[in-house]
């Protein structure tokens, strides 16, 4: 039970984080992002369930189509088997018949491959839609921490008329940045749930991109947290 991600536990952690952000920064934009991510995570459950369960109707339809294609491909040879040799020669040269049969075989293989991979491609498309939304959340979280610069704590008098409003204390700024880091981590965990039971290279690459992006942004955030923590300790020493 400790070797796989549990979506319900991830959602429980996300709900707790949303409550923490709402309590600390009520009606803030970051709390709204956490709420949207929570809704997105709850919508992930049916997508994962459909991905894990076989589509029986689609598989039956694919099986029927494959049988029909094979029947249509084999039927001409079966009919030609009953014809006399002279009639076969009259139909066309043997070389042309072999060439035509080879081309038909190639198209037949392509058609069968398309049908057999149809279910996987449909599930992949649904997962990619969710992963695209998660990737957008990562960028939105980055936008919220973008103006949370610890430099104004060290040099509060250096603001310009166009500088963003910064009213957070050292403690509040550190908590805000920490919440952003946790949101990034949970976003990557929701993305990882999509490939936990799948071996699709396209989905694996998409999830890996989200994880790398989240990790890089989290590293930037923790650099700010270290600066805030350093400034806080320095102020305590001076005090």
Foldseek 3Di string as FASTA:
>chain_A
DPPDDDLVVLLVVLVVLLVVCCVLPNPDPLSVLSVVVSVLSVVVVVLLVLVVDDDVVLVVVLVVVLVVLVCVLCVVVVVVVPDDPVVVVVVDHPVVVVVVNVVSVVVSVVVNVCSVCVSVVVSVVVLVVSLVVLLVSLVVLLVVCVLLACVCVVVVPPDDPPRDDDDDDLVSSLVSLVSSLVSLVSSLVSLVSSPRPPDDPVSVVSSVVSNVSSVVSNVVSVVRSVVSVVVVVVVVVVD
